[in-house]
Amino acid sequence: MARSNQDDCHRWKRRSSLRLAGSLLAALACFAAVAQAPAPGEAVLRVCADPGNLPLSNDKGEGYENKIAAALARDLKRRLEFTWFPQRMGFVRNTLRSKDEQTQQFKCDVIIGVPKGFELTATTQPYMRSTYALVFSSRDEFAQLESAEDLLKLPTPRLHALRIGVFGKSPGTDWLLRNELMQHSVFYAPQSGDPAENPAQVIERDLLAGKIDMAFVWGPIAGFLVSQHTPAWRALPFNPDPAIKFDYEISMGVRFGEKEWKDTLDQWIRTHQDEVRSILAGYHVPLLDRDES
């Protein structure tokens, strides 16, 4: 009988130890979850961004929009968070205008780069003005080109032998039409069917493969491609044109009606122009003055 009581005592101690261990593990798990979650009232800058669209942004923080967002978070004393979604049709709907199902909080509060006057968001004052450009490999036949417009000075047989890459619905199509060069173009859809593929990758691949001789691309993409292939590649920005709009001002995008938040971003942009330009220069973005025409 004494032996039985002793066994019962040991079993009770083991169960108590297991319960205690389980409680400790649960407490540790809870602590870890709390440590990873934002503290109540913690200030967070939530940015809507594309996870694979260099030189603008990627999920490794390597794009110029990543760097601008980091500088903004630093100065606003907020922890930086990104909501990732491919920047194509549905981007605004699935990021800036979308709410988390559990918290009912908007997933993010600012898009770092949208055209000034973008119809889907309210826009801040612009922080960048850039232009479309021609990008090509530095072949001898292109050595005398000093501006994008100089392309038309090539001998007619050589000009008409070129294969020129251009994205649909871009200013490049208007320029080719005006100069009767559409038959020499290689067209790309404005958006690839693969959300993991971006315009820089498409043009880089086909230029390297010799499928095209040059391409019309947005200036930041041209600068990025040249930086990846210096000195083998060159880029020539288009000057402002009264008939074809090559240049665009880029702002930050926020939700309509959030005036105080927009004013905060406007103030930051106004007082950090030099820092923003320095970031963009690091990516070889061709910049135009605001009043250049």
Protein backbone atom coordinates (compact mmCIF):
# COMPACT_ATOMS: atom_id res chain seq x y z
CA MET A 1 0.00 0.00 0.00
CA ALA A 2 2.87 2.38 0.85
CA ARG A 3 4.49 1.49 -2.48
CA SER A 4 1.28 2.44 -4.33
CA ASN A 5 1.11 5.80 -2.56
CA GLN A 6 4.73 6.47 -3.46
CA ASP A 7 4.06 5.72 -7.16
CA ASP A 8 1.04 8.01 -7.14
CA CYS A 9 3.19 10.78 -5.68
CA HIS A 10 5.82 10.36 -8.42
CA ARG A 11 3.15 10.39 -11.13
CA TRP A 12 1.64 13.59 -9.67
CA LYS A 13 5.08 15.25 -9.64
CA ARG A 14 5.72 14.27 -13.26
CA ARG A 15 2.34 15.65 -14.36
CA SER A 16 2.97 18.86 -12.44
CA SER A 17 6.40 19.21 -14.07
CA LEU A 18 4.94 18.65 -17.51
CA ARG A 19 2.20 21.22 -16.87
CA LEU A 20 4.80 23.70 -15.66
CA ALA A 21 7.01 23.05 -18.69
CA GLY A 22 4.01 23.47 -20.99
CA SER A 23 3.08 26.73 -19.29
CA LEU A 24 6.64 27.99 -19.65
CA LEU A 25 6.72 27.09 -23.36
CA ALA A 26 3.39 28.81 -23.91
CA ALA A 27 4.62 31.88 -22.08
CA LEU A 28 7.80 31.96 -24.17
CA ALA A 29 5.79 31.60 -27.40
CA CYS A 30 3.52 34.40 -26.30
CA PHE A 31 6.52 36.59 -25.44
CA ALA A 32 8.04 35.93 -28.86
CA ALA A 33 4.80 36.83 -30.61
CA VAL A 34 4.54 40.06 -28.62
CA ALA A 35 8.19 40.87 -29.37
CA GLN A 36 7.59 40.53 -33.12
CA ALA A 37 4.36 42.53 -33.21
CA PRO A 38 4.36 46.33 -33.18
CA ALA A 39 4.06 47.71 -29.67
CA PRO A 40 0.77 49.46 -28.90
CA GLY A 41 0.98 52.93 -30.37
CA GLU A 42 4.29 52.23 -32.15
CA ALA A 43 4.73 54.50 -35.15
CA VAL A 44 5.09 52.52 -38.40
CA LEU A 45 5.61 53.77 -41.95
CA ARG A 46 3.75 51.30 -44.14
CA VAL A 47 4.86 51.49 -47.76
CA CYS A 48 3.18 49.86 -50.77
CA ALA A 49 5.85 48.50 -53.13
CA ASP A 50 6.73 46.02 -55.86
CA PRO A 51 8.93 43.13 -54.62
CA GLY A 52 10.84 42.83 -57.92
CA ASN A 53 10.99 45.99 -59.99
CA LEU A 54 14.53 47.35 -59.96
CA PRO A 55 15.74 50.01 -60.07
CA LEU A 56 12.57 51.22 -58.31
CA SER A 57 12.12 48.63 -55.56
CA ASN A 58 12.56 45.04 -54.51
CA ASP A 59 12.06 42.97 -51.38
CA LYS A 60 15.80 43.14 -50.60
CA GLY A 61 15.66 46.92 -50.22
CA GLU A 62 17.91 47.54 -53.24
CA GLY A 63 15.83 50.08 -55.20
CA TYR A 64 15.83 53.86 -55.03
CA GLU A 65 12.25 53.85 -53.77
CA ASN A 66 13.39 51.57 -50.92
CA LYS A 67 16.11 54.10 -50.06
CA ILE A 68 13.72 57.07 -50.19
CA ALA A 69 11.26 55.18 -47.96
CA ALA A 70 14.05 54.41 -45.47
CA ALA A 71 15.08 58.10 -45.32
CA LEU A 72 11.44 59.12 -44.83
CA ALA A 73 10.93 56.58 -42.02
CA ARG A 74 14.13 57.74 -40.32
CA ASP A 75 13.05 61.38 -40.29
CA LEU A 76 9.48 60.63 -39.21
CA LYS A 77 10.90 58.32 -36.49
CA ARG A 78 8.80 55.40 -37.68
CA ARG A 79 9.62 51.75 -38.18
CA LEU A 80 9.56 50.88 -41.88
CA GLU A 81 7.28 48.11 -43.19
CA PHE A 82 6.52 47.14 -46.79
CA THR A 83 3.38 45.63 -48.30
CA TRP A 84 4.48 43.79 -51.43
CA PHE A 85 2.45 43.45 -54.61
CA PRO A 86 3.51 43.51 -58.30
CA GLN A 87 3.08 47.06 -59.61
CA ARG A 88 0.62 46.40 -62.39
CA MET A 89 -3.15 46.40 -62.83
CA GLY A 90 -4.75 46.10 -59.39
CA PHE A 91 -1.73 47.41 -57.49
CA VAL A 92 -3.52 50.31 -55.76
CA ARG A 93 -6.62 48.22 -55.08
CA ASN A 94 -4.57 45.48 -53.41
CA THR A 95 -2.29 47.75 -51.40
CA LEU A 96 -3.19 51.37 -50.61
CA ARG A 97 -6.96 50.75 -50.69
CA SER A 98 -6.92 47.26 -49.18
CA LYS A 99 -7.51 46.47 -45.50
CA ASP A 100 -6.19 43.62 -43.42
CA GLU A 101 -9.06 41.19 -42.79
CA GLN A 102 -8.25 40.78 -39.10
CA THR A 103 -7.25 44.29 -38.02
CA GLN A 104 -9.32 46.23 -40.59
CA GLN A 105 -6.30 48.51 -40.90
CA PHE A 106 -5.14 49.65 -44.33
CA LYS A 107 -2.24 47.48 -45.48
CA CYS A 108 -0.06 50.47 -46.36
CA ASP A 109 -0.23 54.24 -46.43
CA VAL A 110 2.03 55.55 -49.20
CA ILE A 111 3.26 54.59 -52.66
CA ILE A 112 6.70 56.12 -53.12
CA GLY A 113 6.45 56.62 -56.89
CA VAL A 114 3.37 57.59 -58.94
CA PRO A 115 3.00 60.15 -61.76
CA LYS A 116 1.99 63.63 -60.64
CA GLY A 117 -1.81 63.87 -60.88
CA PHE A 118 -2.25 60.07 -60.89
CA GLU A 119 -5.96 59.38 -61.13
CA LEU A 120 -6.07 56.51 -58.60
CA THR A 121 -4.48 58.37 -55.67
CA ALA A 122 -3.97 61.82 -54.27
CA THR A 123 -0.42 62.93 -55.07
CA THR A 124 2.18 64.93 -53.21
CA GLN A 125 4.36 67.58 -54.77
CA PRO A 126 6.81 65.93 -57.19
CA TYR A 127 10.26 64.89 -55.98
CA MET A 128 11.63 63.83 -59.38
CA ARG A 129 11.32 64.80 -63.03
CA SER A 130 12.80 62.34 -65.47
CA THR A 131 12.43 61.46 -69.15
CA TYR A 132 12.38 58.53 -71.52
CA ALA A 133 15.69 57.52 -73.08
CA LEU A 134 17.28 55.33 -75.70
CA VAL A 135 19.52 52.58 -74.33
CA PHE A 136 21.96 50.64 -76.52
CA SER A 137 25.34 48.95 -76.58
CA SER A 138 28.32 51.20 -77.38
CA ARG A 139 28.95 50.05 -80.94
CA ASP A 140 31.13 52.02 -83.36
CA GLU A 141 28.15 52.92 -85.53
CA PHE A 142 26.55 54.71 -82.54
CA ALA A 143 29.71 56.51 -81.41
CA GLN A 144 28.63 59.87 -82.89
CA LEU A 145 25.23 59.88 -81.19
CA GLU A 146 25.14 62.68 -78.62
CA SER A 147 21.39 62.90 -78.12
CA ALA A 148 18.44 60.60 -78.70
CA GLU A 149 17.37 62.80 -81.61
CA ASP A 150 20.74 62.16 -83.31
CA LEU A 151 19.50 58.68 -84.16
CA LEU A 152 17.79 60.23 -87.18
CA LYS A 153 21.18 61.41 -88.48
CA LEU A 154 22.33 57.86 -89.17
CA PRO A 155 22.57 56.92 -92.85
CA THR A 156 19.14 55.86 -94.06
CA PRO A 157 20.10 52.23 -94.86
CA ARG A 158 21.63 51.84 -91.41
CA LEU A 159 18.71 53.52 -89.66
CA HIS A 160 16.22 51.30 -91.43
CA ALA A 161 18.18 48.19 -90.53
CA LEU A 162 17.82 48.81 -86.79
CA ARG A 163 15.53 46.78 -84.57
CA ILE A 164 14.20 49.15 -81.93
CA GLY A 165 12.47 47.81 -78.83
CA VAL A 166 9.50 49.79 -77.56
CA PHE A 167 6.78 49.20 -74.98
CA GLY A 168 3.21 49.69 -76.18
CA LYS A 169 1.42 52.89 -75.08
CA SER A 170 4.74 54.63 -74.39
CA PRO A 171 6.09 57.86 -75.96
CA GLY A 172 8.46 55.72 -78.01
CA THR A 173 5.58 54.51 -80.18
CA ASP A 174 4.62 58.13 -80.98
CA TRP A 175 8.21 58.99 -81.85
CA LEU A 176 8.56 55.98 -84.15
CA LEU A 177 5.26 56.86 -85.83
CA ARG A 178 6.28 60.46 -86.37
CA ASN A 179 9.55 59.41 -87.96
CA GLU A 180 8.08 56.56 -90.03
CA LEU A 181 10.10 53.88 -88.23
CA MET A 182 7.28 51.72 -86.91
CA GLN A 183 8.18 48.90 -89.30
CA HIS A 184 11.57 48.64 -87.58
CA SER A 185 10.18 48.30 -84.06
CA VAL A 186 9.98 45.29 -81.77
CA PHE A 187 6.92 45.70 -79.54
CA TYR A 188 6.61 44.66 -75.91
CA ALA A 189 3.40 44.56 -73.91
CA PRO A 190 3.18 47.30 -71.26
CA GLN A 191 2.91 44.52 -68.68
CA SER A 192 4.51 41.12 -68.96
CA GLY A 193 2.36 38.07 -68.32
CA ASP A 194 4.90 37.09 -65.66
CA PRO A 195 4.50 39.26 -62.51
CA ALA A 196 8.08 38.41 -61.53
CA GLU A 197 9.45 39.93 -64.75
CA ASN A 198 10.07 43.67 -65.05
CA PRO A 199 10.88 45.97 -68.01
CA ALA A 200 14.59 46.21 -67.15
CA GLN A 201 14.92 42.42 -67.29
CA VAL A 202 13.03 42.20 -70.60
CA ILE A 203 15.19 44.79 -72.36
CA GLU A 204 18.45 43.56 -70.84
CA ARG A 205 17.76 40.01 -72.00
CA ASP A 206 16.92 40.97 -75.58
CA LEU A 207 19.77 43.48 -75.97
CA LEU A 208 22.26 40.89 -74.75
CA ALA A 209 20.77 38.27 -77.09
CA GLY A 210 20.94 40.64 -80.09
CA LYS A 211 17.19 40.53 -80.67
CA ILE A 212 17.10 44.32 -80.63
CA ASP A 213 19.74 47.01 -81.26
CA MET A 214 18.33 49.61 -78.88
CA ALA A 215 15.21 50.33 -76.86
CA PHE A 216 12.98 53.15 -75.66
CA VAL A 217 12.67 52.92 -71.87
CA TRP A 218 11.77 55.12 -68.90
CA GLY A 219 14.85 57.09 -67.86
CA PRO A 220 15.47 55.41 -64.47
CA ILE A 221 15.45 52.01 -66.21
CA ALA A 222 17.90 53.26 -68.86
CA GLY A 223 20.25 54.59 -66.18
CA PHE A 224 20.06 51.34 -64.24
CA LEU A 225 20.83 49.20 -67.30
CA VAL A 226 23.82 51.34 -68.19
CA SER A 227 25.11 51.11 -64.61
CA GLN A 228 24.95 47.31 -64.87
CA HIS A 229 26.90 47.26 -68.17
CA THR A 230 29.34 50.17 -67.93
CA PRO A 231 31.08 51.04 -70.22
CA ALA A 232 29.55 48.69 -72.77
CA TRP A 233 26.12 50.34 -72.81
CA ARG A 234 24.99 53.96 -73.20
CA ALA A 235 21.76 55.86 -72.61
CA LEU A 236 20.62 59.07 -74.29
CA PRO A 237 17.67 60.90 -72.67
CA PHE A 238 15.07 62.61 -74.83
CA ASN A 239 14.78 66.35 -74.50
CA PRO A 240 11.34 67.83 -73.73
CA ASP A 241 9.26 67.80 -76.91
CA PRO A 242 6.28 70.07 -77.61
CA ALA A 243 4.46 67.30 -79.50
CA ILE A 244 5.41 64.13 -77.58
CA LYS A 245 5.53 63.95 -73.80
CA PHE A 246 8.75 62.15 -72.87
CA ASP A 247 9.20 63.69 -69.42
CA TYR A 248 7.13 63.04 -66.29
CA GLU A 249 7.12 64.32 -62.73
CA ILE A 250 6.99 61.66 -60.02
CA SER A 251 5.22 62.14 -56.69
CA MET A 252 4.19 60.00 -53.73
CA GLY A 253 0.67 58.57 -53.75
CA VAL A 254 -1.70 58.58 -50.76
CA ARG A 255 -5.39 57.95 -50.22
CA PHE A 256 -7.82 60.71 -51.14
CA GLY A 257 -8.97 62.75 -48.16
CA GLU A 258 -5.85 62.23 -46.02
CA LYS A 259 -4.75 65.87 -46.19
CA GLU A 260 -2.71 65.90 -42.98
CA TRP A 261 -0.67 62.89 -44.10
CA LYS A 262 -0.18 64.40 -47.55
CA ASP A 263 0.96 67.68 -45.97
CA THR A 264 3.49 65.78 -43.86
CA LEU A 265 4.95 64.14 -46.96
CA ASP A 266 4.95 67.43 -48.87
CA GLN A 267 6.92 69.06 -46.08
CA TRP A 268 9.46 66.22 -46.05
CA ILE A 269 9.91 66.38 -49.84
CA ARG A 270 10.36 70.17 -49.72
CA THR A 271 13.09 69.94 -47.11
CA HIS A 272 14.93 66.87 -48.47
CA GLN A 273 15.35 67.63 -52.17
CA ASP A 274 19.15 67.36 -52.00
CA GLU A 275 19.03 63.96 -50.27
CA VAL A 276 16.47 62.60 -52.74
CA ARG A 277 18.52 63.80 -55.72
CA SER A 278 21.61 62.18 -54.21
CA ILE A 279 19.77 58.86 -53.91
CA LEU A 280 18.55 59.09 -57.52
CA ALA A 281 22.03 60.04 -58.77
CA GLY A 282 23.32 56.82 -57.23
CA TYR A 283 21.06 54.95 -59.68
CA HIS A 284 22.07 57.11 -62.68
CA VAL A 285 18.52 58.45 -63.06
CA PRO A 286 18.46 61.18 -65.75
CA LEU A 287 16.95 64.21 -64.02
CA LEU A 288 15.43 67.32 -65.55
CA ASP A 289 14.98 70.62 -63.76
CA ARG A 290 11.40 71.35 -62.78
CA ASP A 291 11.24 74.39 -65.09
CA GLU A 292 13.15 72.83 -67.99
CA SER A 293 11.14 72.78 -71.21
